[in-house]
PDB file of all heavy atoms in Angstrom:
ATOM      1  N   GLY A   1      90.176  28.895  10.293  1.00  0.00           N
ATOM      2  CA  GLY A   1      89.634  27.789  11.009  1.00  0.00           C
ATOM      3  C   GLY A   1      88.090  27.946  11.163  1.00  0.00           C
ATOM      4  O   GLY A   1      87.358  26.979  11.168  1.00  0.00           O
ATOM      5  N   GLU A   2      87.668  29.222  11.386  1.00  0.00           N
ATOM      6  CA  GLU A   2      86.198  29.410  11.596  1.00  0.00           C
ATOM      7  C   GLU A   2      85.407  29.153  10.279  1.00  0.00           C
ATOM      8  O   GLU A   2      84.351  28.575  10.337  1.00  0.00           O
ATOM      9  CB  GLU A   2      86.029  30.851  12.019  1.00  0.00           C
ATOM     10  CG  GLU A   2      86.536  31.205  13.372  1.00  0.00           C
ATOM     11  CD  GLU A   2      86.607  32.654  13.692  1.00  0.00           C
ATOM     12  OE1 GLU A   2      86.496  33.514  12.725  1.00  0.00           O
ATOM     13  OE2 GLU A   2      86.719  32.949  14.886  1.00  0.00           O
ATOM     14  N   GLU A   3      86.057  29.477   9.130  1.00  0.00           N
ATOM     15  CA  GLU A   3      85.386  29.188   7.860  1.00  0.00           C
ATOM     16  C   GLU A   3      85.343  27.714   7.611  1.00  0.00           C
ATOM     17  O   GLU A   3      84.308  27.238   7.138  1.00  0.00           O
ATOM     18  CB  GLU A   3      86.183  29.941   6.763  1.00  0.00           C
ATOM     19  CG  GLU A   3      86.030  31.401   6.768  1.00  0.00           C
ATOM     20  CD  GLU A   3      87.035  32.074   5.773  1.00  0.00           C
ATOM     21  OE1 GLU A   3      88.151  31.703   5.660  1.00  0.00           O
ATOM     22  OE2 GLU A   3      86.566  33.099   5.167  1.00  0.00           O
ATOM     23  N   LYS A   4      86.382  27.021   7.940  1.00  0.00           N
ATOM     24  CA  LYS A   4      86.412  25.522   7.713  1.00  0.00           C
ATOM     25  C   LYS A   4      85.340  24.899   8.683  1.00  0.00           C
ATOM     26  O   LYS A   4      84.605  23.984   8.224  1.00  0.00           O
ATOM     27  CB  LYS A   4      87.760  24.955   8.028  1.00  0.00           C
ATOM     28  CG  LYS A   4      88.800  25.302   6.963  1.00  0.00           C
ATOM     29  CD  LYS A   4      90.150  24.729   7.391  1.00  0.00           C
ATOM     30  CE  LYS A   4      91.234  25.097   6.411  1.00  0.00           C
ATOM     31  NZ  LYS A   4      92.537  24.610   6.774  1.00  0.00           N
ATOM     32  N   ALA A   5      85.276  25.403   9.911  1.00  0.00           N
ATOM     33  CA  ALA A   5      84.196  24.851  10.818  1.00  0.00           C
ATOM     34  C   ALA A   5      82.820  25.057  10.278  1.00  0.00           C
ATOM     35  O   ALA A   5      81.947  24.291  10.340  1.00  0.00           O
ATOM     36  CB  ALA A   5      84.395  25.459  12.192  1.00  0.00           C
ATOM     37  N   ALA A   6      82.624  26.338   9.771  1.00  0.00           N
ATOM     38  CA  ALA A   6      81.248  26.617   9.245  1.00  0.00           C
ATOM     39  C   ALA A   6      80.931  25.744   8.018  1.00  0.00           C
ATOM     40  O   ALA A   6      79.776  25.297   7.917  1.00  0.00           O
ATOM     41  CB  ALA A   6      81.204  28.139   8.759  1.00  0.00           C
ATOM     42  N   ARG A   7      81.891  25.523   7.167  1.00  0.00           N
ATOM     43  CA  ARG A   7      81.619  24.543   6.094  1.00  0.00           C
ATOM     44  C   ARG A   7      81.363  23.154   6.564  1.00  0.00           C
ATOM     45  O   ARG A   7      80.473  22.511   5.978  1.00  0.00           O
ATOM     46  CB  ARG A   7      82.869  24.583   5.084  1.00  0.00           C
ATOM     47  CG  ARG A   7      82.921  25.790   4.245  1.00  0.00           C
ATOM     48  CD  ARG A   7      83.833  25.552   3.116  1.00  0.00           C
ATOM     49  NE  ARG A   7      83.903  26.726   2.242  1.00  0.00           N
ATOM     50  CZ  ARG A   7      84.604  26.818   1.096  1.00  0.00           C
ATOM     51  NH1 ARG A   7      85.265  25.839   0.755  1.00  0.00           N
ATOM     52  NH2 ARG A   7      84.550  27.946   0.435  1.00  0.00           N
ATOM     53  N   TRP A   8      82.042  22.758   7.549  1.00  0.00           N
ATOM     54  CA  TRP A   8      81.915  21.415   8.101  1.00  0.00           C
ATOM     55  C   TRP A   8      80.471  21.272   8.663  1.00  0.00           C
ATOM     56  O   TRP A   8      79.669  20.296   8.392  1.00  0.00           O
ATOM     57  CB  TRP A   8      82.890  21.025   9.181  1.00  0.00           C
ATOM     58  CG  TRP A   8      82.470  19.751   9.903  1.00  0.00           C
ATOM     59  CD1 TRP A   8      82.108  19.625  11.158  1.00  0.00           C
ATOM     60  CD2 TRP A   8      82.322  18.459   9.322  1.00  0.00           C
ATOM     61  NE1 TRP A   8      81.787  18.280  11.417  1.00  0.00           N
ATOM     62  CE2 TRP A   8      81.940  17.570  10.320  1.00  0.00           C
ATOM     63  CE3 TRP A   8      82.589  17.987   8.075  1.00  0.00           C
ATOM     64  CZ2 TRP A   8      81.731  16.240  10.066  1.00  0.00           C
ATOM     65  CZ3 TRP A   8      82.365  16.606   7.805  1.00  0.00           C
ATOM     66  CH2 TRP A   8      82.000  15.746   8.816  1.00  0.00           C
ATOM     67  N   ILE A   9      79.984  22.308   9.398  1.00  0.00           N
ATOM     68  CA  ILE A   9      78.672  22.331   9.964  1.00  0.00           C
ATOM     69  C   ILE A   9      77.601  22.183   8.845  1.00  0.00           C
ATOM     70  O   ILE A   9      76.609  21.451   8.936  1.00  0.00           O
ATOM     71  CB  ILE A   9      78.463  23.519  10.904  1.00  0.00           C
ATOM     72  CG1 ILE A   9      79.309  23.368  12.112  1.00  0.00           C
ATOM     73  CG2 ILE A   9      76.970  23.717  11.173  1.00  0.00           C
ATOM     74  CD1 ILE A   9      79.379  24.599  12.953  1.00  0.00           C
ATOM     75  N   GLU A  10      77.774  22.958   7.795  1.00  0.00           N
ATOM     76  CA  GLU A  10      76.844  22.970   6.603  1.00  0.00           C
ATOM     77  C   GLU A  10      76.823  21.598   5.957  1.00  0.00           C
ATOM     78  O   GLU A  10      75.803  21.077   5.641  1.00  0.00           O
ATOM     79  CB  GLU A  10      77.176  24.111   5.666  1.00  0.00           C
ATOM     80  CG  GLU A  10      76.820  25.443   6.092  1.00  0.00           C
ATOM     81  CD  GLU A  10      75.279  25.563   6.456  1.00  0.00           C
ATOM     82  OE1 GLU A  10      74.457  25.137   5.598  1.00  0.00           O
ATOM     83  OE2 GLU A  10      74.917  26.057   7.495  1.00  0.00           O
ATOM     84  N   THR A  11      77.997  21.012   5.812  1.00  0.00           N
ATOM     85  CA  THR A  11      78.127  19.749   5.224  1.00  0.00           C
ATOM     86  C   THR A  11      77.450  18.642   6.098  1.00  0.00           C
ATOM     87  O   THR A  11      76.783  17.781   5.573  1.00  0.00           O
ATOM     88  CB  THR A  11      79.575  19.317   4.939  1.00  0.00           C
ATOM     89  OG1 THR A  11      80.159  20.310   4.098  1.00  0.00           O
ATOM     90  CG2 THR A  11      79.688  17.942   4.361  1.00  0.00           C
ATOM     91  N   SER A  12      77.675  18.749   7.428  1.00  0.00           N
ATOM     92  CA  SER A  12      77.119  17.708   8.273  1.00  0.00           C
ATOM     93  C   SER A  12      75.627  17.757   8.346  1.00  0.00           C
ATOM     94  O   SER A  12      74.966  16.764   8.694  1.00  0.00           O
ATOM     95  CB  SER A  12      77.716  17.895   9.764  1.00  0.00           C
ATOM     96  OG  SER A  12      77.193  19.138  10.300  1.00  0.00           O
ATOM     97  N   LYS A  13      74.977  18.833   7.983  1.00  0.00           N
ATOM     98  CA  LYS A  13      73.559  18.937   8.005  1.00  0.00           C
ATOM     99  C   LYS A  13      72.954  18.073   6.933  1.00  0.00           C
ATOM    100  O   LYS A  13      71.716  17.718   6.981  1.00  0.00           O
ATOM    101  CB  LYS A  13      73.039  20.487   7.707  1.00  0.00           C
ATOM    102  CG  LYS A  13      73.347  21.309   8.938  1.00  0.00           C
ATOM    103  CD  LYS A  13      72.908  22.747   8.713  1.00  0.00           C
ATOM    104  CE  LYS A  13      73.209  23.616   9.886  1.00  0.00           C
ATOM    105  NZ  LYS A  13      72.862  25.105   9.571  1.00  0.00           N
ATOM    106  N   LYS A  14      73.726  17.738   5.926  1.00  0.00           N
ATOM    107  CA  LYS A  14      73.291  16.772   4.835  1.00  0.00           C
ATOM    108  C   LYS A  14      73.329  15.304   5.228  1.00  0.00           C
ATOM    109  O   LYS A  14      72.747  14.547   4.539  1.00  0.00           O
ATOM    110  CB  LYS A  14      74.149  17.041   3.521  1.00  0.00           C
ATOM    111  CG  LYS A  14      74.012  18.396   3.085  1.00  0.00           C
ATOM    112  CD  LYS A  14      75.020  18.703   1.907  1.00  0.00           C
ATOM    113  CE  LYS A  14      74.978  20.220   1.545  1.00  0.00           C
ATOM    114  NZ  LYS A  14      76.054  20.456   0.574  1.00  0.00           N
ATOM    115  N   PHE A  15      73.936  14.953   6.326  1.00  0.00           N
ATOM    116  CA  PHE A  15      74.060  13.598   6.750  1.00  0.00           C
ATOM    117  C   PHE A  15      72.687  13.202   7.312  1.00  0.00           C
ATOM    118  O   PHE A  15      71.940  14.043   7.855  1.00  0.00           O
ATOM    119  CB  PHE A  15      75.135  13.470   7.904  1.00  0.00           C
ATOM    120  CG  PHE A  15      76.551  13.741   7.422  1.00  0.00           C
ATOM    121  CD1 PHE A  15      77.441  14.124   8.338  1.00  0.00           C
ATOM    122  CD2 PHE A  15      76.921  13.594   6.153  1.00  0.00           C
ATOM    123  CE1 PHE A  15      78.721  14.392   7.875  1.00  0.00           C
ATOM    124  CE2 PHE A  15      78.196  13.859   5.712  1.00  0.00           C
ATOM    125  CZ  PHE A  15      79.155  14.268   6.606  1.00  0.00           C
ATOM    126  N   PRO A  16      72.417  11.887   7.203  1.00  0.00           N
ATOM    127  CA  PRO A  16      71.109  11.498   7.802  1.00  0.00           C
ATOM    128  C   PRO A  16      71.130  11.604   9.241  1.00  0.00           C
ATOM    129  O   PRO A  16      72.173  11.445   9.957  1.00  0.00           O
ATOM    130  CB  PRO A  16      70.985  10.064   7.398  1.00  0.00           C
ATOM    131  CG  PRO A  16      72.382   9.565   7.075  1.00  0.00           C
ATOM    132  CD  PRO A  16      73.120  10.808   6.576  1.00  0.00           C
ATOM    133  N   HIS A  17      69.999  11.907   9.925  1.00  0.00           N
ATOM    134  CA  HIS A  17      69.869  11.981  11.301  1.00  0.00           C
ATOM    135  C   HIS A  17      69.940  10.563  12.011  1.00  0.00           C
ATOM    136  O   HIS A  17      69.255   9.664  11.563  1.00  0.00           O
ATOM    137  CB  HIS A  17      68.580  12.659  11.804  1.00  0.00           C
ATOM    138  CG  HIS A  17      68.450  12.624  13.159  1.00  0.00           C
ATOM    139  ND1 HIS A  17      69.142  13.462  14.074  1.00  0.00           N
ATOM    140  CD2 HIS A  17      67.604  11.936  14.051  1.00  0.00           C
ATOM    141  CE1 HIS A  17      68.782  13.257  15.316  1.00  0.00           C
ATOM    142  NE2 HIS A  17      67.859  12.350  15.372  1.00  0.00           N
ATOM    143  N   THR A  18      70.828  10.445  12.898  1.00  0.00           N
ATOM    144  CA  THR A  18      70.868   9.205  13.699  1.00  0.00           C
ATOM    145  C   THR A  18      70.749   9.483  15.110  1.00  0.00           C
ATOM    146  O   THR A  18      71.365  10.443  15.555  1.00  0.00           O
ATOM    147  CB  THR A  18      72.125   8.424  13.359  1.00  0.00           C
ATOM    148  OG1 THR A  18      73.261   9.270  13.647  1.00  0.00           O
ATOM    149  CG2 THR A  18      72.227   7.912  11.971  1.00  0.00           C
ATOM    150  N   PRO A  19      70.036   8.737  15.864  1.00  0.00           N
ATOM    151  CA  PRO A  19      69.962   8.938  17.233  1.00  0.00           C
ATOM    152  C   PRO A  19      71.236   8.696  18.030  1.00  0.00           C
ATOM    153  O   PRO A  19      72.160   7.944  17.614  1.00  0.00           O
ATOM    154  CB  PRO A  19      68.958   7.901  17.758  1.00  0.00           C
ATOM    155  CG  PRO A  19      68.908   6.854  16.724  1.00  0.00           C
ATOM    156  CD  PRO A  19      69.287   7.453  15.480  1.00  0.00           C
ATOM    157  N   ARG A  20      71.436   9.489  19.091  1.00  0.00           N
ATOM    158  CA  ARG A  20      72.637   9.368  19.845  1.00  0.00           C
ATOM    159  C   ARG A  20      72.658   8.063  20.590  1.00  0.00           C
ATOM    160  O   ARG A  20      71.627   7.548  20.973  1.00  0.00           O
ATOM    161  CB  ARG A  20      72.715  10.595  20.872  1.00  0.00           C
ATOM    162  CG  ARG A  20      72.913  11.886  20.134  1.00  0.00           C
ATOM    163  CD  ARG A  20      73.052  12.981  21.182  1.00  0.00           C
ATOM    164  NE  ARG A  20      73.151  14.315  20.489  1.00  0.00           N
ATOM    165  CZ  ARG A  20      73.762  15.253  20.899  1.00  0.00           C
ATOM    166  NH1 ARG A  20      74.337  15.233  22.116  1.00  0.00           N
ATOM    167  NH2 ARG A  20      73.801  16.370  20.276  1.00  0.00           N
ATOM    168  N   LEU A  21      73.812   7.607  20.864  1.00  0.00           N
ATOM    169  CA  LEU A  21      73.991   6.368  21.590  1.00  0.00           C
ATOM    170  C   LEU A  21      73.992   6.702  23.159  1.00  0.00           C
ATOM    171  O   LEU A  21      74.579   7.680  23.525  1.00  0.00           O
ATOM    172  CB  LEU A  21      75.320   5.658  21.215  1.00  0.00           C
ATOM    173  CG  LEU A  21      75.355   5.185  19.816  1.00  0.00           C
ATOM    174  CD1 LEU A  21      76.757   4.623  19.475  1.00  0.00           C
ATOM    175  CD2 LEU A  21      74.327   4.039  19.544  1.00  0.00           C
ATOM    176  N   SER A  22      73.446   5.824  23.890  1.00  0.00           N
ATOM    177  CA  SER A  22      73.483   6.075  25.316  1.00  0.00           C
ATOM    178  C   SER A  22      74.816   5.755  25.938  1.00  0.00           C
ATOM    179  O   SER A  22      75.616   5.127  25.300  1.00  0.00           O
ATOM    180  CB  SER A  22      72.428   5.198  25.999  1.00  0.00           C
ATOM    181  OG  SER A  22      72.820   3.861  25.896  1.00  0.00           O
ATOM    182  N   ASP A  23      75.058   6.145  27.117  1.00  0.00           N
ATOM    183  CA  ASP A  23      76.301   5.838  27.780  1.00  0.00           C
ATOM    184  C   ASP A  23      76.516   4.255  27.959  1.00  0.00           C
ATOM    185  O   ASP A  23      77.565   3.839  27.764  1.00  0.00           O
ATOM    186  CB  ASP A  23      76.336   6.455  29.191  1.00  0.00           C
ATOM    187  CG  ASP A  23      76.558   7.959  29.178  1.00  0.00           C
ATOM    188  OD1 ASP A  23      76.968   8.467  28.121  1.00  0.00           O
ATOM    189  OD2 ASP A  23      76.274   8.600  30.230  1.00  0.00           O
ATOM    190  N   GLU A  24      75.415   3.600  28.130  1.00  0.00           N
ATOM    191  CA  GLU A  24      75.485   2.176  28.210  1.00  0.00           C
ATOM    192  C   GLU A  24      75.910   1.564  26.832  1.00  0.00           C
ATOM    193  O   GLU A  24      76.665   0.584  26.812  1.00  0.00           O
ATOM    194  CB  GLU A  24      74.110   1.655  28.646  1.00  0.00           C
ATOM    195  CG  GLU A  24      73.958   0.163  28.511  1.00  0.00           C
ATOM    196  CD  GLU A  24      74.985  -0.637  29.372  1.00  0.00           C
ATOM    197  OE1 GLU A  24      75.388  -0.181  30.445  1.00  0.00           O
ATOM    198  OE2 GLU A  24      75.253  -1.838  28.948  1.00  0.00           O
ATOM    199  N   GLN A  25      75.317   2.076  25.762  1.00  0.00           N
ATOM    200  CA  GLN A  25      75.691   1.540  24.436  1.00  0.00           C
ATOM    201  C   GLN A  25      77.139   1.703  24.119  1.00  0.00           C
ATOM    202  O   GLN A  25      77.606   1.020  23.292  1.00  0.00           O
ATOM    203  CB  GLN A  25      74.749   2.136  23.401  1.00  0.00           C
ATOM    204  CG  GLN A  25      73.279   1.769  23.536  1.00  0.00           C
ATOM    205  CD  GLN A  25      72.436   2.542  22.544  1.00  0.00           C
ATOM    206  OE1 GLN A  25      72.486   3.788  22.619  1.00  0.00           O
ATOM    207  NE2 GLN A  25      71.592   1.808  21.874  1.00  0.00           N
ATOM    208  N   ILE A  26      77.788   2.809  24.627  1.00  0.00           N
ATOM    209  CA  ILE A  26      79.193   2.960  24.258  1.00  0.00           C
ATOM    210  C   ILE A  26      80.111   2.620  25.419  1.00  0.00           C
ATOM    211  O   ILE A  26      81.256   2.987  25.348  1.00  0.00           O
ATOM    212  CB  ILE A  26      79.416   4.455  23.856  1.00  0.00           C
ATOM    213  CG1 ILE A  26      79.026   5.386  25.029  1.00  0.00           C
ATOM    214  CG2 ILE A  26      78.645   4.756  22.562  1.00  0.00           C
ATOM    215  CD1 ILE A  26      79.480   6.860  24.739  1.00  0.00           C
ATOM    216  N   SER A  27      79.671   1.876  26.414  1.00  0.00           N
ATOM    217  CA  SER A  27      80.429   1.524  27.515  1.00  0.00           C
ATOM    218  C   SER A  27      81.422   0.437  27.022  1.00  0.00           C
ATOM    219  O   SER A  27      81.203  -0.360  26.082  1.00  0.00           O
ATOM    220  CB  SER A  27      79.614   1.016  28.675  1.00  0.00           C
ATOM    221  OG  SER A  27      79.061  -0.127  28.364  1.00  0.00           O
ATOM    222  N   ARG A  28      82.496   0.269  27.720  1.00  0.00           N
ATOM    223  CA  ARG A  28      83.515  -0.762  27.423  1.00  0.00           C
ATOM    224  C   ARG A  28      82.839  -2.198  27.536  1.00  0.00           C
ATOM    225  O   ARG A  28      83.157  -3.021  26.755  1.00  0.00           O
ATOM    226  CB  ARG A  28      84.728  -0.629  28.291  1.00  0.00           C
ATOM    227  CG  ARG A  28      85.738  -1.705  28.112  1.00  0.00           C
ATOM    228  CD  ARG A  28      86.994  -1.572  29.029  1.00  0.00           C
ATOM    229  NE  ARG A  28      87.845  -0.521  28.684  1.00  0.00           N
ATOM    230  CZ  ARG A  28      88.641  -0.585  27.587  1.00  0.00           C
ATOM    231  NH1 ARG A  28      88.689  -1.604  26.852  1.00  0.00           N
ATOM    232  NH2 ARG A  28      89.549   0.458  27.457  1.00  0.00           N
ATOM    233  N   GLU A  29      82.013  -2.207  28.579  1.00  0.00           N
ATOM    234  CA  GLU A  29      81.397  -3.588  28.788  1.00  0.00           C
ATOM    235  C   GLU A  29      80.535  -3.938  27.693  1.00  0.00           C
ATOM    236  O   GLU A  29      80.521  -5.156  27.302  1.00  0.00           O
ATOM    237  CB  GLU A  29      80.593  -3.563  30.120  1.00  0.00           C
ATOM    238  CG  GLU A  29      81.425  -3.410  31.348  1.00  0.00           C
ATOM    239  CD  GLU A  29      81.930  -1.986  31.624  1.00  0.00           C
ATOM    240  OE1 GLU A  29      81.366  -1.008  31.074  1.00  0.00           O
ATOM    241  OE2 GLU A  29      82.911  -1.878  32.399  1.00  0.00           O
ATOM    242  N   SER A  30      79.770  -3.036  27.116  1.00  0.00           N
ATOM    243  CA  SER A  30      78.852  -3.413  26.000  1.00  0.00           C
ATOM    244  C   SER A  30      79.604  -3.681  24.662  1.00  0.00           C
ATOM    245  O   SER A  30      79.232  -4.496  23.877  1.00  0.00           O
ATOM    246  CB  SER A  30      77.824  -2.360  25.781  1.00  0.00           C
ATOM    247  OG  SER A  30      78.405  -1.148  25.158  1.00  0.00           O
ATOM    248  N   MET A  31      80.820  -3.100  24.566  1.00  0.00           N
ATOM    249  CA  MET A  31      81.659  -3.288  23.350  1.00  0.00           C
ATOM    250  C   MET A  31      82.378  -4.632  23.407  1.00  0.00           C
ATOM    251  O   MET A  31      82.538  -5.247  22.373  1.00  0.00           O
ATOM    252  CB  MET A  31      82.627  -2.186  23.190  1.00  0.00           C
ATOM    253  CG  MET A  31      82.019  -0.899  22.781  1.00  0.00           C
ATOM    254  SD  MET A  31      83.362   0.328  22.409  1.00  0.00           S
ATOM    255  CE  MET A  31      82.662   1.824  22.859  1.00  0.00           C
ATOM    256  N   TYR A  32      82.747  -5.033  24.553  1.00  0.00           N
ATOM    257  CA  TYR A  32      83.531  -6.233  24.733  1.00  0.00           C
ATOM    258  C   TYR A  32      82.730  -7.329  25.586  1.00  0.00           C
ATOM    259  O   TYR A  32      83.350  -8.110  26.207  1.00  0.00           O
ATOM    260  CB  TYR A  32      84.824  -5.974  25.358  1.00  0.00           C
ATOM    261  CG  TYR A  32      85.663  -5.001  24.570  1.00  0.00           C
ATOM    262  CD1 TYR A  32      85.801  -3.676  24.837  1.00  0.00           C
ATOM    263  CD2 TYR A  32      86.325  -5.444  23.377  1.00  0.00           C
ATOM    264  CE1 TYR A  32      86.546  -2.814  24.163  1.00  0.00           C
ATOM    265  CE2 TYR A  32      87.121  -4.558  22.619  1.00  0.00           C
ATOM    266  CZ  TYR A  32      87.210  -3.258  22.998  1.00  0.00           C
ATOM    267  OH  TYR A  32      87.925  -2.377  22.252  1.00  0.00           O
TER     268      TYR A  32
END
């Protein structure tokens, strides 16, 4: 499991950086 997690972390470093969404942006009210 630790090796799989380490591989996932390395793979995820290749993804483009995207800013985190705020609590407001992911609230139920904003989605609907």
